[in-house]
Protein backbone atom coordinates (compact mmCIF):
# COMPACT_ATOMS: atom_id res chain seq x y z
CA MET A 1 -39.43 230.55 273.51
CA SER A 2 -36.02 230.03 271.90
CA GLY A 3 -35.06 227.09 269.71
CA LYS A 4 -32.75 225.57 272.36
CA ARG A 5 -35.56 225.30 274.90
CA ARG A 6 -38.11 224.04 272.39
CA ILE A 7 -36.22 220.80 271.57
CA PRO A 8 -36.04 219.41 275.19
CA ALA A 9 -39.74 220.14 275.62
CA LEU A 10 -40.69 218.14 272.55
CA VAL A 11 -38.57 215.22 273.70
CA ALA A 12 -40.32 215.21 277.06
CA VAL A 13 -43.77 215.22 275.47
CA LEU A 14 -42.89 212.29 273.18
CA ALA A 15 -41.56 210.32 276.15
CA LEU A 16 -44.83 210.80 278.03
CA VAL A 17 -46.87 209.65 275.03
CA LEU A 18 -44.78 206.55 274.16
CA ALA A 19 -44.37 205.26 277.74
CA PRO A 20 -47.94 203.82 278.07
CA LEU A 21 -47.70 202.23 274.62
CA ALA A 22 -44.46 200.51 275.53
CA GLY A 23 -45.97 199.16 278.73
CA LEU A 24 -49.00 197.86 276.83
CA GLY A 25 -46.80 195.99 274.33
CA THR A 26 -44.76 194.41 277.10
CA GLY A 27 -47.86 193.32 278.96
CA THR A 28 -49.36 191.78 275.80
CA ALA A 29 -46.19 189.84 275.07
CA ALA A 30 -46.09 188.53 278.66
CA TRP A 31 -49.75 187.47 278.44
CA ALA A 32 -49.15 185.68 275.15
CA ALA A 33 -46.16 183.86 276.56
CA ASP A 34 -48.24 182.47 279.43
CA LYS A 35 -51.10 181.19 277.17
CA PRO A 36 -50.75 177.70 275.59
CA ILE A 37 -52.95 178.70 272.63
CA ALA A 38 -50.60 181.48 271.69
CA LYS A 39 -47.67 179.09 271.90
CA SER A 40 -49.36 176.56 269.59
CA MET A 41 -50.14 179.30 267.04
CA ALA A 42 -46.62 180.63 267.16
CA LYS A 43 -45.04 177.30 266.23
CA PRO A 44 -46.51 176.99 262.69
CA ILE A 45 -45.60 180.60 262.03
CA ALA A 46 -42.05 179.94 263.13
CA ARG A 47 -41.84 176.81 260.96
CA THR A 48 -43.08 178.69 257.95
CA MET A 49 -40.64 181.52 258.38
CA ALA A 50 -37.72 179.22 259.19
CA LYS A 51 -35.33 178.38 256.36
CA PRO A 52 -33.19 175.26 256.12
CA THR A 53 -29.75 175.84 257.48
CA ALA A 54 -28.09 173.06 255.36
CA GLU A 55 -28.51 171.29 252.03
CA PRO A 56 -31.08 168.46 251.94
CA THR A 57 -29.55 165.02 252.33
CA VAL A 58 -30.75 161.45 251.76
CA LYS A 59 -29.54 158.23 253.44
CA LEU A 60 -30.40 154.61 252.66
CA SER A 61 -30.51 151.62 254.99
CA LYS A 62 -29.14 149.41 252.15
CA SER A 63 -27.13 150.25 249.05
CA GLN A 64 -28.38 147.19 247.16
CA ALA A 65 -31.57 145.11 247.26
CA GLY A 66 -33.60 142.90 244.96
CA THR A 67 -37.08 143.34 243.62
CA GLY A 68 -39.72 142.54 246.24
CA GLY A 69 -37.62 143.74 249.17
CA SER A 70 -37.69 147.13 250.85
CA ILE A 71 -35.30 149.80 252.12
CA THR A 72 -35.63 152.63 254.62
CA VAL A 73 -34.99 156.10 253.24
CA SER A 74 -34.23 158.92 255.70
CA GLY A 75 -33.18 162.50 255.26
CA SER A 76 -32.56 165.83 256.96
CA GLY A 77 -32.10 169.49 256.11
CA TRP A 78 -35.44 169.74 254.33
CA ARG A 79 -38.04 172.43 254.82
CA SER A 80 -40.26 171.64 257.80
CA GLY A 81 -43.74 170.39 256.89
CA ALA A 82 -42.74 169.79 253.25
CA LEU A 83 -44.36 167.05 251.17
CA LEU A 84 -41.73 164.81 249.53
CA MET A 85 -41.90 162.13 246.83
CA LEU A 86 -39.54 159.10 246.99
CA LEU A 87 -38.81 157.20 243.74
CA ILE A 88 -36.29 154.62 242.45
CA CYS A 89 -35.02 155.85 239.05
CA GLY A 90 -32.70 154.43 236.39
CA GLN A 91 -30.12 156.05 234.09
CA SER A 92 -29.30 158.52 236.86
CA THR A 93 -26.44 159.64 239.06
CA PRO A 94 -26.27 162.21 241.87
CA SER A 95 -23.98 164.39 239.73
CA ARG A 96 -26.17 164.43 236.59
CA GLY A 97 -29.52 163.85 238.23
CA VAL A 98 -32.39 161.96 236.61
CA ILE A 99 -31.64 162.33 232.90
CA GLY A 100 -34.98 161.15 231.52
CA GLY A 101 -37.11 162.79 234.19
CA THR A 102 -39.77 160.88 236.05
CA ASN A 103 -40.32 158.72 232.94
CA SER A 104 -37.16 156.86 234.03
CA CYS A 105 -38.58 156.07 237.49
CA ALA A 106 -40.79 153.34 238.98
CA ASN A 107 -43.67 155.74 239.61
CA ALA A 108 -46.21 153.06 240.58
CA ASP A 109 -44.10 151.99 243.58
CA GLY A 110 -43.19 155.48 244.79
CA ARG A 111 -44.00 156.78 248.27
CA ALA A 112 -44.83 160.17 249.77
CA VAL A 113 -43.77 161.55 253.15
CA THR A 114 -44.01 164.82 255.10
CA THR A 115 -41.07 166.23 257.02
CA ASP A 116 -41.30 167.05 260.72
CA ASP A 117 -40.61 170.34 262.49
CA GLU A 118 -36.88 169.82 262.14
CA GLY A 119 -37.03 169.07 258.41
CA ALA A 120 -36.24 165.36 258.83
CA PHE A 121 -38.11 162.25 257.62
CA SER A 122 -37.91 158.45 257.49
CA LYS A 123 -39.94 156.19 255.18
CA GLU A 124 -39.87 152.57 254.04
CA VAL A 125 -39.87 152.18 250.24
CA PRO A 126 -40.44 148.91 248.31
CA VAL A 127 -37.76 147.95 245.81
CA ALA A 128 -38.93 147.87 242.16
CA GLU A 129 -37.15 147.81 238.83
CA PRO A 130 -37.24 151.12 236.92
CA PRO A 131 -38.25 151.11 233.25
CA VAL A 132 -34.69 151.92 232.12
CA PRO A 133 -31.36 150.26 232.97
CA CYS A 134 -29.19 151.27 235.92
CA PRO A 135 -27.11 153.08 237.27
CA CYS A 136 -29.96 153.83 239.66
CA VAL A 137 -30.64 156.28 242.45
CA VAL A 138 -33.29 156.92 245.08
CA HIS A 139 -34.69 160.28 244.02
CA VAL A 140 -36.28 162.54 246.65
CA ALA A 141 -37.93 165.81 245.58
CA THR A 142 -40.47 168.28 246.95
CA VAL A 143 -44.00 168.19 245.56
CA THR A 144 -45.21 171.62 246.67
CA GLY A 145 -43.55 174.86 247.65
CA GLU A 146 -39.94 175.73 246.98
CA LYS A 147 -38.25 173.21 244.70
CA ALA A 148 -35.55 170.99 246.27
CA GLU A 149 -34.23 167.54 245.42
CA ALA A 150 -31.51 165.06 246.38
CA ASP A 151 -30.33 161.65 245.13
CA ALA A 152 -28.66 158.64 246.74
CA VAL A 153 -26.91 155.86 244.79
CA PHE A 154 -28.76 152.54 244.87
CA GLN A 155 -28.34 149.27 243.01
CA VAL A 156 -31.32 147.08 242.10
CA ALA A 157 -30.06 143.48 242.21
CA GLY A 158 -30.56 141.61 238.97
CA HIS A 159 -31.43 144.73 236.93
CA ALA A 160 -29.53 145.59 233.75
CA VAL A 161 -26.80 148.19 233.87
CA GLU A 162 -25.78 150.34 230.89
CA PRO A 163 -23.51 153.38 230.58
CA LEU A 164 -25.10 156.80 230.67
CA PRO A 165 -25.65 158.63 227.38
CA ASP A 166 -23.15 161.22 226.31
CA LYS A 167 -23.53 164.63 227.80
CA ALA A 168 -25.32 167.17 225.73
CA SER A 169 -23.15 169.23 223.43
CA GLY A 170 -22.38 172.83 224.09
CA GLY A 171 -24.38 174.13 221.13
CA ARG A 172 -27.00 176.84 221.75
CA LEU A 173 -29.79 177.83 219.39
CA SER A 174 -31.21 181.29 219.06
CA VAL A 175 -34.05 182.59 216.89
CA LEU A 176 -32.64 185.06 214.34
CA THR A 177 -35.81 186.16 212.50
CA ASP A 178 -39.44 186.72 213.35
CA THR A 179 -41.67 183.68 213.29
CA ARG A 180 -44.64 183.40 210.94
CA LEU A 181 -47.47 180.99 210.20
CA ASP A 182 -47.73 179.70 206.64
CA GLY A 183 -50.80 178.06 205.16
CA SER A 184 -54.52 178.74 204.83
CA SER A 185 -57.81 177.19 205.81
CA GLY A 186 -59.66 175.02 203.30
CA LEU A 187 -63.31 174.24 202.78
CA LEU A 188 -63.27 171.46 205.36
CA THR A 189 -62.04 173.91 208.01
CA TRP A 190 -65.15 175.98 207.32
CA PHE A 191 -67.15 172.92 208.38
CA GLY A 192 -65.19 172.25 211.60
CA ALA A 193 -62.03 170.44 210.46
CA PRO A 194 -58.88 171.05 212.57
CA PRO A 195 -57.05 174.25 211.47
CA GLN A 196 -53.46 173.59 210.38
CA ARG A 197 -50.45 175.87 209.82
CA ARG A 198 -46.64 175.65 209.60
CA LEU A 199 -44.55 177.63 212.08
CA VAL A 200 -41.59 178.96 210.09
CA PHE A 201 -38.52 180.54 211.74
CA THR A 202 -34.74 180.77 211.35
CA VAL A 203 -32.36 179.72 214.13
CA GLY A 204 -28.62 180.08 214.50
CA ASN A 205 -26.11 178.07 216.52
CA VAL A 206 -24.35 180.51 218.83
CA GLY A 207 -22.51 177.76 220.75
CA THR A 208 -19.16 176.09 220.25
CA SER A 209 -20.32 172.65 219.05
CA PRO A 210 -22.81 171.45 216.45
CA VAL A 211 -26.43 170.73 217.31
CA LYS A 212 -27.78 167.53 215.75
CA ASP A 213 -31.50 166.74 215.38
CA PRO A 214 -32.74 169.36 217.88
CA VAL A 215 -36.06 168.72 219.61
CA PHE A 216 -38.37 171.74 219.86
CA GLN A 217 -41.52 172.15 221.87
CA VAL A 218 -44.49 173.81 220.16
CA GLY A 219 -47.34 174.97 222.37
CA THR A 220 -50.77 176.41 221.59
CA SER A 221 -52.81 178.42 224.08
CA HIS A 222 -56.27 179.97 223.87
CA GLY A 223 -56.89 183.21 225.72
CA VAL A 224 -55.47 183.21 229.24
CA PHE A 225 -55.00 179.44 229.44
CA ALA A 226 -51.55 177.85 229.68
CA PRO A 227 -50.11 176.42 226.44
CA GLU A 228 -50.31 172.72 225.65
CA TRP A 229 -46.80 171.62 224.59
CA GLU A 230 -45.97 169.04 221.96
CA GLU A 231 -42.45 167.84 221.13
CA GLN A 232 -41.35 167.96 217.49
CA GLN A 233 -37.92 166.94 216.26
CA TRP A 234 -36.19 168.62 213.34
CA ARG A 235 -33.87 166.37 211.35
CA GLY A 236 -30.56 167.99 210.58
CA THR A 237 -27.32 169.38 212.01
CA ILE A 238 -26.56 173.04 212.67
CA GLU A 239 -22.85 173.79 212.81
CA PRO A 240 -21.44 176.48 215.13
CA GLY A 241 -22.00 179.92 213.64
CA LYS A 242 -24.45 178.58 211.03
CA LYS A 243 -28.16 179.08 210.70
CA ALA A 244 -31.07 177.01 209.41
CA ARG A 245 -34.65 177.63 208.34
CA ILE A 246 -37.07 175.37 210.22
CA ALA A 247 -40.79 174.72 209.59
CA LEU A 248 -42.83 172.82 212.19
CA PRO A 249 -46.49 171.80 211.77
CA VAL A 250 -49.09 173.26 214.13
CA GLU A 251 -52.62 171.87 214.47
CA LEU A 252 -55.54 172.88 216.67
CA ALA A 253 -58.52 170.86 217.81
CA ALA A 254 -61.55 170.36 215.56
CA GLY A 255 -63.95 173.30 215.63
CA ALA A 256 -61.40 175.62 217.28
CA HIS A 257 -61.95 179.37 216.73
CA GLY A 258 -60.88 182.59 218.36
CA SER A 259 -57.52 184.07 219.36
CA TYR A 260 -54.68 181.59 219.87
CA THR A 261 -50.97 181.96 220.63
CA VAL A 262 -48.31 179.61 219.23
CA SER A 263 -45.17 179.36 221.40
CA LEU A 264 -41.77 177.86 220.58
CA LYS A 265 -39.52 176.43 223.29
CA TYR A 266 -36.06 174.90 223.13
CA GLY A 267 -33.87 173.77 226.03
CA GLY A 268 -36.52 174.83 228.56
CA LYS A 269 -36.56 178.41 227.27
CA VAL A 270 -39.32 180.07 225.25
CA LEU A 271 -37.76 181.41 222.05
CA ALA A 272 -40.71 183.04 220.30
CA GLU A 273 -44.50 183.53 220.34
CA GLN A 274 -46.79 184.05 217.38
CA PRO A 275 -50.48 185.11 217.57
CA TRP A 276 -53.01 183.21 215.46
CA GLY A 277 -56.58 184.32 214.83
CA VAL A 278 -58.84 181.43 213.81
CA GLY A 279 -62.18 182.18 212.16
CA ARG A 280 -65.44 180.65 213.25
CA PRO A 281 -66.58 177.54 211.30
CA TRP A 282 -69.76 179.06 209.86
CA GLY A 283 -70.46 175.90 207.86
CA VAL A 284 -71.36 174.10 211.08
CA THR A 285 -73.77 176.88 212.03
CA LEU A 286 -75.35 176.78 208.56
CA PHE A 287 -75.71 173.01 208.82
CA TRP A 288 -77.63 173.25 212.09
CA ILE A 289 -79.88 175.99 210.70
CA LEU A 290 -80.73 173.90 207.63
CA LEU A 291 -81.29 170.87 209.83
CA ALA A 292 -83.72 172.83 211.97
CA VAL A 293 -85.67 173.87 208.85
CA VAL A 294 -85.55 170.71 206.73
CA VAL A 295 -86.40 168.16 209.41
CA PRO A 296 -89.68 169.82 210.52
CA ALA A 297 -90.68 170.31 206.86
CA ALA A 298 -90.00 166.65 206.07
CA VAL A 299 -91.95 165.52 209.12
CA PHE A 300 -94.87 167.74 208.07
CA ARG A 301 -94.90 166.33 204.52
CA ILE A 302 -94.78 162.76 205.80
CA GLY A 303 -97.61 163.47 208.20
CA MET A 304 -99.77 165.00 205.47
CA ALA A 305 -99.12 162.02 203.20
CA VAL A 306 -100.19 159.64 205.96
CA VAL A 307 -103.34 161.67 206.66
CA ASP A 308 -104.21 161.77 202.94
CA HIS A 309 -103.74 158.01 202.69
CA VAL A 310 -105.89 157.24 205.74
CA ARG A 311 -108.67 159.78 205.05
CA PRO A 312 -111.75 158.24 203.19
CA ARG A 313 -112.43 159.59 199.68
CA ALA A 314 -115.77 161.32 198.78
CA ARG A 315 -118.28 159.37 196.56
CA VAL A 316 -120.07 160.84 193.49
CA SER A 317 -123.92 160.92 193.82
CA GLY A 318 -126.17 159.06 191.33
CA ARG A 319 -128.02 162.20 190.23
CA HIS A 320 -124.91 163.93 188.83
CA ARG A 321 -123.78 160.67 187.23
CA GLY A 322 -127.16 160.36 185.38
CA LEU A 323 -126.94 163.93 184.07
CA ARG A 324 -123.45 163.32 182.79
CA LEU A 325 -124.50 160.10 180.98
CA ALA A 326 -127.52 161.84 179.38
CA GLY A 327 -125.35 164.55 177.83
CA LEU A 328 -122.85 161.96 176.61
CA GLY A 329 -125.58 159.87 174.96
CA ALA A 330 -127.02 162.90 173.16
CA ARG A 331 -123.62 163.81 171.71
CA LEU A 332 -122.81 160.25 170.60
CA ARG A 333 -126.18 159.55 168.93
CA ARG A 334 -126.60 162.88 167.11
CA PRO A 335 -126.99 162.20 163.30
CA SER A 336 -124.68 163.79 160.77
CA PRO A 337 -125.82 166.85 158.75
CA SER A 338 -125.83 164.90 155.44
CA ALA A 339 -128.17 162.27 156.79
CA SER A 340 -130.53 164.93 158.10
CA GLU A 341 -130.75 166.60 154.71
CA ASP A 342 -131.65 163.31 152.94
CA SER A 343 -134.31 162.24 155.41
CA PRO A 344 -138.04 162.52 154.49
CA ALA A 345 -138.59 164.97 157.29
CA SER A 346 -136.11 167.40 155.79
CA ALA A 347 -137.62 167.02 152.34
CA GLU A 348 -141.04 167.74 153.78
CA ARG A 349 -139.69 170.91 155.37
CA ARG A 350 -138.13 172.09 152.10
CA ARG A 351 -141.49 171.71 150.26
CA PRO A 352 -143.21 175.14 149.87
CA SER A 353 -146.25 175.57 152.01
CA LYS A 354 -149.18 177.89 151.91
CA PRO A 355 -148.85 181.14 153.69
CA SER A 356 -150.62 181.06 156.92
CA LYS A 357 -151.18 183.42 159.70
CA PRO A 358 -148.35 183.36 162.12
CA SER A 359 -149.23 182.01 165.47
CA LYS A 360 -148.11 183.36 168.78
CA PRO A 361 -145.06 181.72 170.18
CA SER A 362 -145.96 179.27 172.83
CA LYS A 363 -144.33 179.25 176.17
CA PRO A 364 -141.56 176.72 176.54
CA SER A 365 -142.57 173.73 178.48
CA ARG A 366 -141.11 173.08 181.88
CA PRO A 367 -137.99 170.88 181.72
CA PRO A 368 -138.36 167.44 183.25
CA TRP A 369 -136.81 166.48 186.55
CA PRO A 370 -133.30 165.04 186.65
CA SER A 371 -134.74 161.60 187.33
CA LYS A 372 -136.59 161.74 184.00
CA LEU A 373 -133.40 162.82 182.23
CA SER A 374 -131.64 159.87 183.74
CA ARG A 375 -134.30 157.46 182.46
CA LEU A 376 -134.20 159.09 179.01
CA SER A 377 -130.45 158.80 178.82
CA LYS A 378 -130.63 155.14 179.76
CA SER A 379 -133.19 154.46 177.05
CA ALA A 380 -131.05 156.33 174.54
CA LEU A 381 -127.98 154.27 175.34
CA ALA A 382 -129.86 150.96 175.25
CA SER A 383 -129.53 149.14 171.93
CA PRO A 384 -132.44 147.30 170.33
CA PRO A 385 -132.26 143.53 170.37
CA ASP A 386 -132.73 143.11 166.61
CA GLY A 387 -129.64 145.18 165.76
CA THR A 388 -131.59 147.92 163.86
CA SER A 389 -130.50 151.53 163.99
CA ARG A 390 -131.72 153.70 166.84
CA THR A 391 -133.43 157.05 166.49
CA THR A 392 -132.67 160.02 168.62
CA PRO A 393 -135.40 160.51 171.25
CA THR A 394 -137.35 163.73 171.04
CA LEU A 395 -137.25 165.90 174.13
CA PRO A 396 -140.65 167.07 175.42
CA TRP A 397 -140.06 170.80 174.83
CA PHE A 398 -139.15 170.42 171.10
CA THR A 399 -141.56 169.68 168.26
CA PRO A 400 -140.56 167.20 165.57
CA ASP A 401 -139.82 170.02 163.16
CA SER A 402 -137.70 171.97 165.63
CA ASP A 403 -135.72 169.11 167.08
CA PRO A 404 -132.04 170.22 167.34
CA GLY A 405 -131.01 166.67 166.44
CA THR A 406 -132.59 166.96 162.94
CA ALA A 407 -131.93 170.65 162.31
CA VAL A 408 -130.27 171.64 159.12
CA ALA A 409 -126.65 172.74 159.06
CA GLY A 410 -126.17 176.34 160.03
CA GLN A 411 -129.31 176.57 162.22
CA LEU A 412 -128.56 179.02 165.01
CA SER A 413 -131.94 180.39 166.06
CA ALA A 414 -134.64 178.97 168.37
CA PRO A 415 -137.43 176.82 166.97
CA GLN A 416 -139.97 179.63 167.36
CA GLU A 417 -138.09 181.77 164.81
CA ASN A 418 -138.69 179.34 161.93
CA GLY A 419 -141.86 180.90 160.43
CA PRO A 420 -143.55 179.97 157.07
CA ALA A 421 -141.74 180.92 153.91
CA GLY A 422 -143.03 183.78 151.81
CA PRO A 423 -144.57 183.36 148.38
CA THR A 424 -141.53 184.69 146.60
CA THR A 425 -138.77 183.35 148.86
CA PRO A 426 -138.29 179.64 148.67
CA ALA A 427 -137.48 177.84 151.87
CA GLY A 428 -134.16 176.11 151.89
CA PRO A 429 -131.49 174.98 154.20
CA THR A 430 -129.42 178.16 153.70
CA THR A 431 -132.17 180.78 153.34
CA PRO A 432 -133.13 182.61 156.54
CA THR A 433 -136.81 183.15 157.22
CA ARG A 434 -138.57 186.26 158.42
CA LYS A 435 -140.03 186.54 161.89
CA GLY A 436 -143.46 188.02 162.54
CA ASN A 437 -146.30 189.20 160.27
CA THR A 438 -145.60 189.48 156.52
């Protein structure tokens, strides 16, 4: 098949394929046109896609009224289904608009209205005095969607009238150098105090008139959140073609940490942005850790002190007290070595005696019971009524000659080791004796 014949054949095949589809589309459109539901759904779509054919306009039923009265505000040419806000504002004209923004309007007495399918509306608005002097207007503006606004001249009877402020000069500021943040964090910032810096930058006047006391907007944002703007005025005048170095304070909230962005805006335009990394206030974390450790420890110590104060104390038994008093009495009433040497008993012991056959050492007697010791100690501590000197009581397992209370100085051995003195060795207080058979 040649190329000339192939083209008509393809056209015929395409016509056969597209014919049923075209019939289906026509039938669907005819069915939709006959159904009321389809018509009702088509109207909102048409209103949304429709665009106003003329500029929005505002008309007033009265050009002047006093406080307490009301006027009817109507308009046309607005977007259909749009939500509008109606306000009476001062220091405004249709040519210059509302100079001070909504701060110059009587916001408490404003009204809201929604336009119809044709973009028209009509609403009654009470008359109230704006916070600033007239000239005044009735300001109508959209709340949602595409921005649109219109003003109509209105006079509030009895309200003050003052001339409008001079128009802004033709000066324009531009940032000439990179911005930077000067300053550092102190010890208080480590414990959660608000971080502070100074945003330093250089601007130049690229306009044709001087700029006096410009007002900048400094905003801080954290992460993906929108910046929070704060107005700061710089005192000074920048002549055309001149430049000036400006430093504005920047402060974050207490305990702020993480990545922040500082933005600079002038005349509704963002001039520069500067990142700012704020460290975590570890002092606050340390404080909470110490609080979690110290408070339980203090509570534990207080509890132990209370338990120790309430708990009854143990009493000492009488048996141990008697033993302790017996030992104390023996130590207090023991005679001195000089007195022992001069006593008749010591002289009798120093006298030489006949040699005798040594006797077997006797077994030591059984010590008395603690109750007997207690009675002995009490008798030792008791003083005679006539005031005479007391003698040391002899314990039952010592003989009078071997009593440790009357022993000579230097006696270290047991009583059984003191045997009779030999014929050639005189017995004395410093001469040791032999033990056993001679």
